[in-house]
Protein backbone atom coordinates (compact mmCIF):
# COMPACT_ATOMS: atom_id res chain seq x y z
CA MET A 1 -0.34 0.08 0.14
CA ALA A 2 1.40 3.46 -0.87
CA THR A 3 2.13 6.19 1.69
CA PRO A 4 -0.18 8.90 1.81
CA SER A 5 2.64 11.24 0.77
CA ALA A 6 3.41 9.56 -2.52
CA GLN A 7 -0.31 9.89 -3.46
CA ILE A 8 -0.33 13.71 -3.57
CA ALA A 9 -0.41 15.44 -6.88
CA PRO A 10 2.80 17.44 -7.83
CA VAL A 11 1.85 21.29 -7.56
CA PRO A 12 1.02 22.52 -11.28
CA ALA A 13 3.45 25.09 -12.67
CA PRO A 14 2.24 28.80 -12.69
CA ARG A 15 0.16 30.06 -15.41
CA ARG A 16 2.23 32.80 -17.31
CA GLU A 17 -0.02 35.12 -18.98
CA LEU A 18 0.59 38.69 -18.38
CA THR A 19 3.81 38.89 -18.81
CA VAL A 20 6.21 41.68 -20.19
CA ARG A 21 7.02 39.34 -22.97
CA ALA A 22 3.41 38.61 -23.93
CA VAL A 23 2.43 42.67 -23.82
CA VAL A 24 5.50 43.50 -25.94
CA VAL A 25 4.82 40.73 -28.40
CA SER A 26 0.99 41.91 -28.37
CA ALA A 27 1.80 45.45 -28.89
CA ILE A 28 4.15 44.42 -31.79
CA VAL A 29 1.65 42.18 -33.31
CA ALA A 30 -1.09 44.56 -33.03
CA ALA A 31 1.14 47.41 -34.69
CA ILE A 32 1.70 45.06 -37.71
CA MET A 33 -1.95 44.06 -38.17
CA GLY A 34 -3.47 47.28 -37.43
CA ALA A 35 -0.87 49.06 -40.05
CA SER A 36 -1.21 46.17 -42.76
CA PHE A 37 -4.92 45.11 -42.51
CA PRO A 38 -6.57 48.42 -43.97
CA TYR A 39 -4.03 48.02 -47.06
CA VAL A 40 -4.85 44.45 -47.65
CA VAL A 41 -8.69 45.11 -47.62
CA LEU A 42 -8.33 47.94 -49.97
CA LYS A 43 -5.72 46.50 -52.23
CA ILE A 44 -7.33 42.78 -52.89
CA GLY A 45 -11.13 43.91 -51.99
CA TYR A 46 -11.84 41.66 -48.86
CA GLY A 47 -10.17 41.10 -45.65
CA PRO A 48 -8.53 37.73 -44.90
CA ASN A 49 -9.08 36.01 -41.65
CA VAL A 50 -7.14 38.29 -39.17
CA SER A 51 -7.01 35.91 -36.26
CA VAL A 52 -5.06 33.27 -38.24
CA VAL A 53 -2.70 35.71 -39.50
CA ALA A 54 -2.28 37.51 -35.95
CA ALA A 55 -1.90 34.03 -34.20
CA PHE A 56 0.89 33.08 -36.92
CA PHE A 57 2.79 36.51 -36.32
CA GLY A 58 2.59 35.92 -32.67
CA PHE A 59 3.60 32.46 -32.65
CA ILE A 60 6.74 33.50 -34.58
CA LEU A 61 7.55 36.53 -32.41
CA LEU A 62 7.20 34.22 -29.06
CA ALA A 63 8.96 31.32 -30.50
CA LEU A 64 11.83 33.87 -31.48
CA ILE A 65 12.02 35.18 -27.94
CA ALA A 66 11.75 31.83 -26.50
CA PHE A 67 14.84 30.61 -28.53
CA ALA A 68 16.72 33.64 -27.20
CA THR A 69 15.56 33.31 -23.52
CA ARG A 70 15.16 29.63 -23.28
CA VAL A 71 11.94 30.15 -21.54
CA ARG A 72 8.96 28.49 -23.23
CA ALA A 73 5.93 30.65 -24.34
CA THR A 74 2.53 29.70 -22.96
CA VAL A 75 -0.50 29.24 -24.81
CA TYR A 76 -2.28 31.91 -22.81
CA GLU A 77 0.68 34.52 -23.91
CA ALA A 78 -0.10 33.18 -27.65
CA ASN A 79 -3.59 33.89 -27.09
CA MET A 80 -2.97 37.32 -25.85
CA ALA A 81 -0.74 38.25 -28.91
CA GLN A 82 -3.54 36.85 -31.43
CA THR A 83 -6.37 39.00 -29.44
CA ALA A 84 -4.29 42.17 -29.78
CA GLY A 85 -3.70 41.68 -33.18
CA THR A 86 -7.18 40.57 -34.17
CA ALA A 87 -8.53 43.86 -32.18
CA ALA A 88 -6.09 46.17 -34.31
CA GLY A 89 -7.00 44.60 -37.55
CA GLU A 90 -10.61 45.22 -36.92
CA ILE A 91 -10.18 48.48 -35.55
CA GLY A 92 -8.20 49.04 -39.11
CA PHE A 93 -11.31 47.79 -40.83
CA MET A 94 -13.69 50.22 -38.99
CA CYS A 95 -11.43 53.00 -40.00
CA ILE A 96 -12.00 51.81 -43.79
CA VAL A 97 -15.66 51.85 -43.08
CA LEU A 98 -15.46 55.57 -41.58
CA ALA A 99 -13.23 56.43 -44.85
CA ALA A 100 -15.95 54.75 -47.36
CA ILE A 101 -18.86 56.73 -45.24
CA ASP A 102 -16.98 59.97 -46.08
CA MET A 103 -16.47 59.28 -49.68
CA LEU A 104 -20.07 58.42 -50.19
CA ASN A 105 -21.01 61.85 -48.36
CA ASP A 106 -18.80 63.77 -50.86
CA ARG A 107 -20.99 62.73 -53.83
CA PRO A 108 -24.38 63.76 -53.14
CA ALA A 109 -25.67 62.65 -56.24
CA LEU A 110 -25.65 58.88 -54.90
CA GLY A 111 -28.31 59.54 -52.31
CA PHE A 112 -26.36 58.73 -49.55
CA SER A 113 -26.36 60.83 -46.40
CA LEU A 114 -24.60 59.97 -43.17
CA HIS A 115 -22.91 62.78 -41.59
CA LEU A 116 -21.09 61.40 -38.29
CA SER A 117 -19.68 64.04 -35.64
CA GLY A 118 -16.36 63.30 -33.97
CA THR A 119 -18.14 62.20 -31.04
CA GLN A 120 -20.52 59.71 -32.51
CA ILE A 121 -17.29 58.27 -34.30
CA PHE A 122 -15.55 57.97 -31.04
CA LEU A 123 -18.82 56.31 -29.34
CA TRP A 124 -19.24 54.08 -32.04
CA LEU A 125 -15.59 52.62 -32.04
CA THR A 126 -15.65 52.73 -28.38
CA PHE A 127 -18.63 51.02 -28.07
CA ALA A 128 -17.74 48.27 -30.63
CA GLY A 129 -14.31 47.46 -28.58
CA LEU A 130 -16.05 47.37 -25.42
CA LEU A 131 -18.60 45.07 -26.78
CA GLY A 132 -15.92 42.86 -28.16
CA ALA A 133 -13.75 43.19 -24.90
CA PHE A 134 -16.88 42.28 -22.68
CA LEU A 135 -17.87 39.35 -24.72
CA ALA A 136 -14.37 37.95 -25.36
CA VAL A 137 -13.93 37.72 -21.66
CA PRO A 138 -16.81 35.12 -20.57
CA LEU A 139 -15.98 33.37 -24.09
CA ARG A 140 -12.47 33.08 -23.32
CA ARG A 141 -13.07 31.67 -19.82
CA HIS A 142 -15.42 29.33 -21.36
CA TYR A 143 -13.41 28.08 -24.45
CA MET A 144 -9.84 28.11 -23.49
CA PRO A 145 -9.87 25.12 -21.05
CA LEU A 146 -11.58 23.25 -23.49
CA SER A 147 -9.29 23.86 -26.30
CA TYR A 148 -6.20 23.29 -24.50
CA SER A 149 -7.44 20.30 -22.53
CA PHE A 150 -5.58 17.64 -23.92
CA HIS A 151 -2.43 19.50 -24.20
CA PRO A 152 0.36 19.48 -21.05
């Protein structure tokens, strides 16, 4: 029969999520996605899946940093980088929509009239961002353990 001390489970490793590395990588991925996504949408006429591209860039940067520091990145750090890149890309898309509204307003012959003030634009982008953030937190808590439950 095993002794009680042999039956105690090992203490799990701390979950690294909000680290300096994750914040720096998230900012870099957000800058890349926010700067490139509007150009890509205007150039090819539609927006590719921002989340996949942001996850790819985040993984590359985290892997390079992990190679240099010899400390492996966690899935939570990668998720943070992907989320920041996705948010920046979508904000860039909203800026394209605002530019399109202004271009349509400059041509009254088209019969389109939607004049937004600076306050209305600020509120639109703020509430869109808050809605995404407030929905992302509960959904993340729901889906993160399920999607990574089979990985050590």
